[in-house]
Amino acid sequence: MKVRVAVRLKPAILDPQGKAVHRSLQQLGYSEVESVRIGKLIELEVSASDPEQVRMRIEELSRKLLTNPLMETFDIELEDDGRDHD
């Protein structure tokens, strides 16, 4: 099973990288872009067949390793890759 974890800064956390990209976009003439927030996408391959169990395990490892829970939030997307995992 393929899993994607999208990690984003919480809204109250300043994003200097996003601000720098926003300034550059403005300088390049992309004035319609009102703001930029930078995050990260983590892709995992998991050998399991129960989506609920996979989601619980990914939530656990996301809190323990992939994110800083004080500053970041995350969303999980599961995609069955069609392989037999039993």
PDB file of N, CA and C in Angstrom:
ATOM      1  N   MET A   1       0.853  -1.175   0.000  1.00  0.00           N
ATOM      2  CA  MET A   1       0.000   0.000   0.000  1.00  0.00           C
ATOM      3  C   MET A   1       0.899   1.239   0.000  1.00  0.00           C
ATOM      4  N   LYS A   2       0.538   2.203  -0.812  1.00  0.00           N
ATOM      5  CA  LYS A   2       1.265   3.471  -0.846  1.00  0.00           C
ATOM      6  C   LYS A   2       0.593   4.444   0.116  1.00  0.00           C
ATOM      7  N   VAL A   3       1.411   5.186   0.829  1.00  0.00           N
ATOM      8  CA  VAL A   3       0.909   6.155   1.798  1.00  0.00           C
ATOM      9  C   VAL A   3       1.631   7.474   1.565  1.00  0.00           C
ATOM     10  N   ARG A   4       0.867   8.548   1.582  1.00  0.00           N
ATOM     11  CA  ARG A   4       1.440   9.891   1.496  1.00  0.00           C
ATOM     12  C   ARG A   4       1.089  10.646   2.773  1.00  0.00           C
ATOM     13  N   VAL A   5       2.092  11.271   3.354  1.00  0.00           N
ATOM     14  CA  VAL A   5       1.883  12.097   4.529  1.00  0.00           C
ATOM     15  C   VAL A   5       2.255  13.522   4.136  1.00  0.00           C
ATOM     16  N   ALA A   6       1.268  14.404   4.126  1.00  0.00           N
ATOM     17  CA  ALA A   6       1.493  15.815   3.813  1.00  0.00           C
ATOM     18  C   ALA A   6       1.655  16.558   5.134  1.00  0.00           C
ATOM     19  N   VAL A   7       2.801  17.200   5.302  1.00  0.00           N
ATOM     20  CA  VAL A   7       3.121  17.901   6.540  1.00  0.00           C
ATOM     21  C   VAL A   7       3.106  19.400   6.275  1.00  0.00           C
ATOM     22  N   ARG A   8       2.416  20.119   7.146  1.00  0.00           N
ATOM     23  CA  ARG A   8       2.314  21.579   7.007  1.00  0.00           C
ATOM     24  C   ARG A   8       2.567  22.241   8.350  1.00  0.00           C
ATOM     25  N   LEU A   9       3.089  23.460   8.285  1.00  0.00           N
ATOM     26  CA  LEU A   9       3.212  24.247   9.507  1.00  0.00           C
ATOM     27  C   LEU A   9       1.824  24.652   9.990  1.00  0.00           C
ATOM     28  N   LYS A  10       1.642  24.692  11.294  1.00  0.00           N
ATOM     29  CA  LYS A  10       0.377  25.187  11.841  1.00  0.00           C
ATOM     30  C   LYS A  10       0.219  26.654  11.443  1.00  0.00           C
ATOM     31  N   PRO A  11      -1.025  27.114  11.289  1.00  0.00           N
ATOM     32  CA  PRO A  11      -1.254  28.495  10.829  1.00  0.00           C
ATOM     33  C   PRO A  11      -0.567  29.565  11.687  1.00  0.00           C
ATOM     34  N   ALA A  12      -0.444  29.349  12.981  1.00  0.00           N
ATOM     35  CA  ALA A  12       0.149  30.355  13.862  1.00  0.00           C
ATOM     36  C   ALA A  12       1.680  30.400  13.782  1.00  0.00           C
ATOM     37  N   ILE A  13       2.292  29.434  13.116  1.00  0.00           N
ATOM     38  CA  ILE A  13       3.754  29.362  13.027  1.00  0.00           C
ATOM     39  C   ILE A  13       4.232  30.168  11.823  1.00  0.00           C
ATOM     40  N   LEU A  14       5.211  31.041  12.044  1.00  0.00           N
ATOM     41  CA  LEU A  14       5.777  31.823  10.951  1.00  0.00           C
ATOM     42  C   LEU A  14       6.496  30.901   9.969  1.00  0.00           C
ATOM     43  N   ASP A  15       6.445  31.253   8.687  1.00  0.00           N
ATOM     44  CA  ASP A  15       7.054  30.450   7.637  1.00  0.00           C
ATOM     45  C   ASP A  15       8.015  31.328   6.828  1.00  0.00           C
ATOM     46  N   PRO A  16       9.262  31.483   7.301  1.00  0.00           N
ATOM     47  CA  PRO A  16      10.204  32.352   6.593  1.00  0.00           C
ATOM     48  C   PRO A  16      10.486  31.892   5.162  1.00  0.00           C
ATOM     49  N   GLN A  17      10.529  30.587   4.935  1.00  0.00           N
ATOM     50  CA  GLN A  17      10.767  30.076   3.584  1.00  0.00           C
ATOM     51  C   GLN A  17       9.598  30.454   2.674  1.00  0.00           C
ATOM     52  N   GLY A  18       8.382  30.314   3.164  1.00  0.00           N
ATOM     53  CA  GLY A  18       7.208  30.714   2.397  1.00  0.00           C
ATOM     54  C   GLY A  18       7.219  32.200   2.086  1.00  0.00           C
ATOM     55  N   LYS A  19       7.609  33.016   3.076  1.00  0.00           N
ATOM     56  CA  LYS A  19       7.692  34.469   2.859  1.00  0.00           C
ATOM     57  C   LYS A  19       8.713  34.803   1.783  1.00  0.00           C
ATOM     58  N   ALA A  20       9.872  34.120   1.797  1.00  0.00           N
ATOM     59  CA  ALA A  20      10.912  34.377   0.798  1.00  0.00           C
ATOM     60  C   ALA A  20      10.413  34.009  -0.602  1.00  0.00           C
ATOM     61  N   VAL A  21       9.736  32.886  -0.725  1.00  0.00           N
ATOM     62  CA  VAL A  21       9.187  32.482  -2.019  1.00  0.00           C
ATOM     63  C   VAL A  21       8.126  33.485  -2.472  1.00  0.00           C
ATOM     64  N   HIS A  22       7.282  33.923  -1.540  1.00  0.00           N
ATOM     65  CA  HIS A  22       6.250  34.902  -1.884  1.00  0.00           C
ATOM     66  C   HIS A  22       6.867  36.197  -2.413  1.00  0.00           C
ATOM     67  N   ARG A  23       7.903  36.687  -1.721  1.00  0.00           N
ATOM     68  CA  ARG A  23       8.587  37.916  -2.181  1.00  0.00           C
ATOM     69  C   ARG A  23       9.154  37.723  -3.592  1.00  0.00           C
ATOM     70  N   SER A  24       9.770  36.572  -3.829  1.00  0.00           N
ATOM     71  CA  SER A  24      10.347  36.306  -5.154  1.00  0.00           C
ATOM     72  C   SER A  24       9.264  36.257  -6.224  1.00  0.00           C
ATOM     73  N   LEU A  25       8.147  35.626  -5.916  1.00  0.00           N
ATOM     74  CA  LEU A  25       7.047  35.580  -6.878  1.00  0.00           C
ATOM     75  C   LEU A  25       6.531  36.977  -7.193  1.00  0.00           C
ATOM     76  N   GLN A  26       6.410  37.813  -6.172  1.00  0.00           N
ATOM     77  CA  GLN A  26       5.963  39.193  -6.390  1.00  0.00           C
ATOM     78  C   GLN A  26       6.951  39.927  -7.310  1.00  0.00           C
ATOM     79  N   GLN A  27       8.244  39.750  -7.052  1.00  0.00           N
ATOM     80  CA  GLN A  27       9.265  40.408  -7.869  1.00  0.00           C
ATOM     81  C   GLN A  27       9.248  39.917  -9.316  1.00  0.00           C
ATOM     82  N   LEU A  28       8.850  38.668  -9.515  1.00  0.00           N
ATOM     83  CA  LEU A  28       8.781  38.110 -10.863  1.00  0.00           C
ATOM     84  C   LEU A  28       7.475  38.443 -11.583  1.00  0.00           C
ATOM     85  N   GLY A  29       6.599  39.182 -10.904  1.00  0.00           N
ATOM     86  CA  GLY A  29       5.372  39.626 -11.545  1.00  0.00           C
ATOM     87  C   GLY A  29       4.140  38.782 -11.266  1.00  0.00           C
ATOM     88  N   TYR A  30       4.235  37.840 -10.356  1.00  0.00           N
ATOM     89  CA  TYR A  30       3.084  36.998 -10.005  1.00  0.00           C
ATOM     90  C   TYR A  30       2.313  37.630  -8.847  1.00  0.00           C
ATOM     91  N   SER A  31       1.767  38.803  -9.096  1.00  0.00           N
ATOM     92  CA  SER A  31       1.112  39.582  -8.039  1.00  0.00           C
ATOM     93  C   SER A  31      -0.194  38.958  -7.562  1.00  0.00           C
ATOM     94  N   GLU A  32      -0.752  38.021  -8.339  1.00  0.00           N
ATOM     95  CA  GLU A  32      -2.003  37.380  -7.917  1.00  0.00           C
ATOM     96  C   GLU A  32      -1.790  36.390  -6.770  1.00  0.00           C
ATOM     97  N   VAL A  33      -0.541  35.974  -6.518  1.00  0.00           N
ATOM     98  CA  VAL A  33      -0.249  35.059  -5.405  1.00  0.00           C
ATOM     99  C   VAL A  33      -0.257  35.875  -4.121  1.00  0.00           C
ATOM    100  N   GLU A  34      -1.200  35.573  -3.242  1.00  0.00           N
ATOM    101  CA  GLU A  34      -1.372  36.348  -2.014  1.00  0.00           C
ATOM    102  C   GLU A  34      -0.514  35.867  -0.860  1.00  0.00           C
ATOM    103  N   SER A  35      -0.231  34.566  -0.792  1.00  0.00           N
ATOM    104  CA  SER A  35       0.631  34.056   0.267  1.00  0.00           C
ATOM    105  C   SER A  35       1.170  32.685  -0.130  1.00  0.00           C
ATOM    106  N   VAL A  36       2.233  32.272   0.535  1.00  0.00           N
ATOM    107  CA  VAL A  36       2.864  30.979   0.275  1.00  0.00           C
ATOM    108  C   VAL A  36       3.208  30.346   1.615  1.00  0.00           C
ATOM    109  N   ARG A  37       2.891  29.072   1.757  1.00  0.00           N
ATOM    110  CA  ARG A  37       3.290  28.270   2.915  1.00  0.00           C
ATOM    111  C   ARG A  37       4.014  27.049   2.359  1.00  0.00           C
ATOM    112  N   ILE A  38       5.168  26.731   2.894  1.00  0.00           N
ATOM    113  CA  ILE A  38       5.969  25.612   2.428  1.00  0.00           C
ATOM    114  C   ILE A  38       5.764  24.425   3.369  1.00  0.00           C
ATOM    115  N   GLY A  39       5.555  23.253   2.804  1.00  0.00           N
ATOM    116  CA  GLY A  39       5.402  22.033   3.583  1.00  0.00           C
ATOM    117  C   GLY A  39       6.283  20.944   2.997  1.00  0.00           C
ATOM    118  N   LYS A  40       5.966  19.709   3.342  1.00  0.00           N
ATOM    119  CA  LYS A  40       6.718  18.586   2.775  1.00  0.00           C
ATOM    120  C   LYS A  40       5.768  17.414   2.550  1.00  0.00           C
ATOM    121  N   LEU A  41       6.126  16.580   1.573  1.00  0.00           N
ATOM    122  CA  LEU A  41       5.352  15.390   1.254  1.00  0.00           C
ATOM    123  C   LEU A  41       6.253  14.186   1.461  1.00  0.00           C
ATOM    124  N   ILE A  42       5.794  13.240   2.262  1.00  0.00           N
ATOM    125  CA  ILE A  42       6.552  12.024   2.548  1.00  0.00           C
ATOM    126  C   ILE A  42       5.763  10.852   1.989  1.00  0.00           C
ATOM    127  N   GLU A  43       6.403  10.047   1.152  1.00  0.00           N
ATOM    128  CA  GLU A  43       5.757   8.885   0.546  1.00  0.00           C
ATOM    129  C   GLU A  43       6.354   7.617   1.138  1.00  0.00           C
ATOM    130  N   LEU A  44       5.476   6.697   1.530  1.00  0.00           N
ATOM    131  CA  LEU A  44       5.905   5.437   2.128  1.00  0.00           C
ATOM    132  C   LEU A  44       5.249   4.279   1.396  1.00  0.00           C
ATOM    133  N   GLU A  45       5.934   3.150   1.337  1.00  0.00           N
ATOM    134  CA  GLU A  45       5.371   1.887   0.852  1.00  0.00           C
ATOM    135  C   GLU A  45       5.195   1.018   2.092  1.00  0.00           C
ATOM    136  N   VAL A  46       3.986   0.515   2.321  1.00  0.00           N
ATOM    137  CA  VAL A  46       3.683  -0.253   3.524  1.00  0.00           C
ATOM    138  C   VAL A  46       3.135  -1.614   3.121  1.00  0.00           C
ATOM    139  N   SER A  47       3.676  -2.682   3.733  1.00  0.00           N
ATOM    140  CA  SER A  47       3.177  -4.028   3.440  1.00  0.00           C
ATOM    141  C   SER A  47       2.141  -4.408   4.491  1.00  0.00           C
ATOM    142  N   ALA A  48       0.910  -4.063   4.202  1.00  0.00           N
ATOM    143  CA  ALA A  48      -0.223  -4.380   5.078  1.00  0.00           C
ATOM    144  C   ALA A  48      -1.484  -4.317   4.238  1.00  0.00           C
ATOM    145  N   SER A  49      -2.527  -5.006   4.693  1.00  0.00           N
ATOM    146  CA  SER A  49      -3.751  -5.034   3.893  1.00  0.00           C
ATOM    147  C   SER A  49      -4.932  -4.322   4.553  1.00  0.00           C
ATOM    148  N   ASP A  50      -4.855  -4.049   5.840  1.00  0.00           N
ATOM    149  CA  ASP A  50      -5.957  -3.410   6.553  1.00  0.00           C
ATOM    150  C   ASP A  50      -5.751  -1.897   6.580  1.00  0.00           C
ATOM    151  N   PRO A  51      -6.522  -1.138   5.798  1.00  0.00           N
ATOM    152  CA  PRO A  51      -6.334   0.309   5.724  1.00  0.00           C
ATOM    153  C   PRO A  51      -6.434   1.012   7.080  1.00  0.00           C
ATOM    154  N   GLU A  52      -7.332   0.560   7.936  1.00  0.00           N
ATOM    155  CA  GLU A  52      -7.469   1.217   9.247  1.00  0.00           C
ATOM    156  C   GLU A  52      -6.229   1.009  10.109  1.00  0.00           C
ATOM    157  N   GLN A  53      -5.670  -0.188  10.064  1.00  0.00           N
ATOM    158  CA  GLN A  53      -4.453  -0.463  10.820  1.00  0.00           C
ATOM    159  C   GLN A  53      -3.282   0.345  10.261  1.00  0.00           C
ATOM    160  N   VAL A  54      -3.205   0.415   8.934  1.00  0.00           N
ATOM    161  CA  VAL A  54      -2.150   1.206   8.301  1.00  0.00           C
ATOM    162  C   VAL A  54      -2.277   2.665   8.731  1.00  0.00           C
ATOM    163  N   ARG A  55      -3.497   3.200   8.678  1.00  0.00           N
ATOM    164  CA  ARG A  55      -3.704   4.596   9.062  1.00  0.00           C
ATOM    165  C   ARG A  55      -3.272   4.848  10.512  1.00  0.00           C
ATOM    166  N   MET A  56      -3.627   3.933  11.411  1.00  0.00           N
ATOM    167  CA  MET A  56      -3.254   4.090  12.827  1.00  0.00           C
ATOM    168  C   MET A  56      -1.732   4.075  12.988  1.00  0.00           C
ATOM    169  N   ARG A  57      -1.062   3.151  12.300  1.00  0.00           N
ATOM    170  CA  ARG A  57       0.400   3.060  12.403  1.00  0.00           C
ATOM    171  C   ARG A  57       1.073   4.300  11.816  1.00  0.00           C
ATOM    172  N   ILE A  58       0.571   4.786  10.689  1.00  0.00           N
ATOM    173  CA  ILE A  58       1.156   5.964  10.051  1.00  0.00           C
ATOM    174  C   ILE A  58       0.929   7.203  10.916  1.00  0.00           C
ATOM    175  N   GLU A  59      -0.250   7.307  11.539  1.00  0.00           N
ATOM    176  CA  GLU A  59      -0.491   8.418  12.465  1.00  0.00           C
ATOM    177  C   GLU A  59       0.516   8.378  13.610  1.00  0.00           C
ATOM    178  N   GLU A  60       0.744   7.188  14.145  1.00  0.00           N
ATOM    179  CA  GLU A  60       1.691   7.028  15.250  1.00  0.00           C
ATOM    180  C   GLU A  60       3.102   7.446  14.833  1.00  0.00           C
ATOM    181  N   LEU A  61       3.579   6.916  13.712  1.00  0.00           N
ATOM    182  CA  LEU A  61       4.946   7.251  13.305  1.00  0.00           C
ATOM    183  C   LEU A  61       5.067   8.701  12.860  1.00  0.00           C
ATOM    184  N   SER A  62       3.975   9.283  12.356  1.00  0.00           N
ATOM    185  CA  SER A  62       3.999  10.700  11.981  1.00  0.00           C
ATOM    186  C   SER A  62       4.175  11.577  13.212  1.00  0.00           C
ATOM    187  N   ARG A  63       3.474  11.228  14.283  1.00  0.00           N
ATOM    188  CA  ARG A  63       3.607  12.004  15.526  1.00  0.00           C
ATOM    189  C   ARG A  63       4.986  11.820  16.160  1.00  0.00           C
ATOM    190  N   LYS A  64       5.525  10.595  16.079  1.00  0.00           N
ATOM    191  CA  LYS A  64       6.798  10.286  16.744  1.00  0.00           C
ATOM    192  C   LYS A  64       8.030  10.735  15.960  1.00  0.00           C
ATOM    193  N   LEU A  65       7.959  10.694  14.612  1.00  0.00           N
ATOM    194  CA  LEU A  65       9.171  10.920  13.837  1.00  0.00           C
ATOM    195  C   LEU A  65       9.032  11.937  12.702  1.00  0.00           C
ATOM    196  N   LEU A  66       7.958  11.875  11.956  1.00  0.00           N
ATOM    197  CA  LEU A  66       7.867  12.663  10.729  1.00  0.00           C
ATOM    198  C   LEU A  66       7.504  14.126  10.946  1.00  0.00           C
ATOM    199  N   THR A  67       6.900  14.442  12.090  1.00  0.00           N
ATOM    200  CA  THR A  67       6.471  15.823  12.337  1.00  0.00           C
ATOM    201  C   THR A  67       6.897  16.291  13.717  1.00  0.00           C
ATOM    202  N   ASN A  68       6.873  17.586  13.876  1.00  0.00           N
ATOM    203  CA  ASN A  68       7.012  18.206  15.192  1.00  0.00           C
ATOM    204  C   ASN A  68       5.597  18.639  15.589  1.00  0.00           C
ATOM    205  N   PRO A  69       4.927  17.886  16.469  1.00  0.00           N
ATOM    206  CA  PRO A  69       3.523  18.160  16.783  1.00  0.00           C
ATOM    207  C   PRO A  69       3.262  19.560  17.353  1.00  0.00           C
ATOM    208  N   LEU A  70       4.290  20.210  17.881  1.00  0.00           N
ATOM    209  CA  LEU A  70       4.101  21.563  18.394  1.00  0.00           C
ATOM    210  C   LEU A  70       3.973  22.581  17.269  1.00  0.00           C
ATOM    211  N   MET A  71       4.571  22.279  16.123  1.00  0.00           N
ATOM    212  CA  MET A  71       4.626  23.248  15.028  1.00  0.00           C
ATOM    213  C   MET A  71       3.913  22.812  13.754  1.00  0.00           C
ATOM    214  N   GLU A  72       3.681  21.497  13.601  1.00  0.00           N
ATOM    215  CA  GLU A  72       3.202  20.996  12.322  1.00  0.00           C
ATOM    216  C   GLU A  72       1.937  20.150  12.467  1.00  0.00           C
ATOM    217  N   THR A  73       1.184  20.104  11.385  1.00  0.00           N
ATOM    218  CA  THR A  73       0.036  19.203  11.270  1.00  0.00           C
ATOM    219  C   THR A  73       0.322  18.269  10.098  1.00  0.00           C
ATOM    220  N   PHE A  74      -0.464  17.206   9.983  1.00  0.00           N
ATOM    221  CA  PHE A  74      -0.263  16.294   8.867  1.00  0.00           C
ATOM    222  C   PHE A  74      -1.585  15.698   8.423  1.00  0.00           C
ATOM    223  N   ASP A  75      -1.627  15.307   7.149  1.00  0.00           N
ATOM    224  CA  ASP A  75      -2.751  14.597   6.557  1.00  0.00           C
ATOM    225  C   ASP A  75      -2.201  13.328   5.929  1.00  0.00           C
ATOM    226  N   ILE A  76      -2.984  12.256   6.009  1.00  0.00           N
ATOM    227  CA  ILE A  76      -2.568  10.962   5.479  1.00  0.00           C
ATOM    228  C   ILE A  76      -3.476  10.567   4.327  1.00  0.00           C
ATOM    229  N   GLU A  77      -2.858  10.094   3.249  1.00  0.00           N
ATOM    230  CA  GLU A  77      -3.600   9.592   2.092  1.00  0.00           C
ATOM    231  C   GLU A  77      -3.124   8.171   1.815  1.00  0.00           C
ATOM    232  N   LEU A  78      -4.051   7.230   1.785  1.00  0.00           N
ATOM    233  CA  LEU A  78      -3.730   5.836   1.500  1.00  0.00           C
ATOM    234  C   LEU A  78      -4.115   5.512   0.061  1.00  0.00           C
ATOM    235  N   GLU A  79      -3.282   4.715  -0.601  1.00  0.00           N
ATOM    236  CA  GLU A  79      -3.574   4.288  -1.969  1.00  0.00           C
ATOM    237  C   GLU A  79      -3.162   2.830  -2.091  1.00  0.00           C
ATOM    238  N   ASP A  80      -4.115   1.965  -2.347  1.00  0.00           N
ATOM    239  CA  ASP A  80      -3.803   0.548  -2.515  1.00  0.00           C
ATOM    240  C   ASP A  80      -3.065   0.385  -3.833  1.00  0.00           C
ATOM    241  N   ASP A  81      -1.926  -0.256  -3.781  1.00  0.00           N
ATOM    242  CA  ASP A  81      -1.123  -0.416  -4.990  1.00  0.00           C
ATOM    243  C   ASP A  81      -1.499  -1.635  -5.822  1.00  0.00           C
ATOM    244  N   GLY A  82      -2.547  -2.354  -5.394  1.00  0.00           N
ATOM    245  CA  GLY A  82      -3.038  -3.484  -6.159  1.00  0.00           C
ATOM    246  C   GLY A  82      -2.314  -4.792  -5.911  1.00  0.00           C
ATOM    247  N   ARG A  83      -1.253  -4.764  -5.106  1.00  0.00           N
ATOM    248  CA  ARG A  83      -0.530  -6.004  -4.802  1.00  0.00           C
ATOM    249  C   ARG A  83      -1.218  -6.751  -3.683  1.00  0.00           C
ATOM    250  N   ASP A  84      -1.020  -8.062  -3.645  1.00  0.00           N
ATOM    251  CA  ASP A  84      -1.549  -8.895  -2.584  1.00  0.00           C
ATOM    252  C   ASP A  84      -0.584  -8.818  -1.401  1.00  0.00           C
ATOM    253  N   HIS A  85      -1.078  -8.374  -0.224  1.00  0.00           N
ATOM    254  CA  HIS A  85      -0.205  -8.152   0.925  1.00  0.00           C
ATOM    255  C   HIS A  85      -0.273  -9.268   1.948  1.00  0.00           C
ATOM    256  N   ASP A  86      -1.037 -10.311   1.710  1.00  0.00           N
ATOM    257  CA  ASP A  86      -1.164 -11.387   2.700  1.00  0.00           C
ATOM    258  C   ASP A  86      -0.030 -12.366   2.647  1.00  0.00           C
TER     259      ASP A  86
END
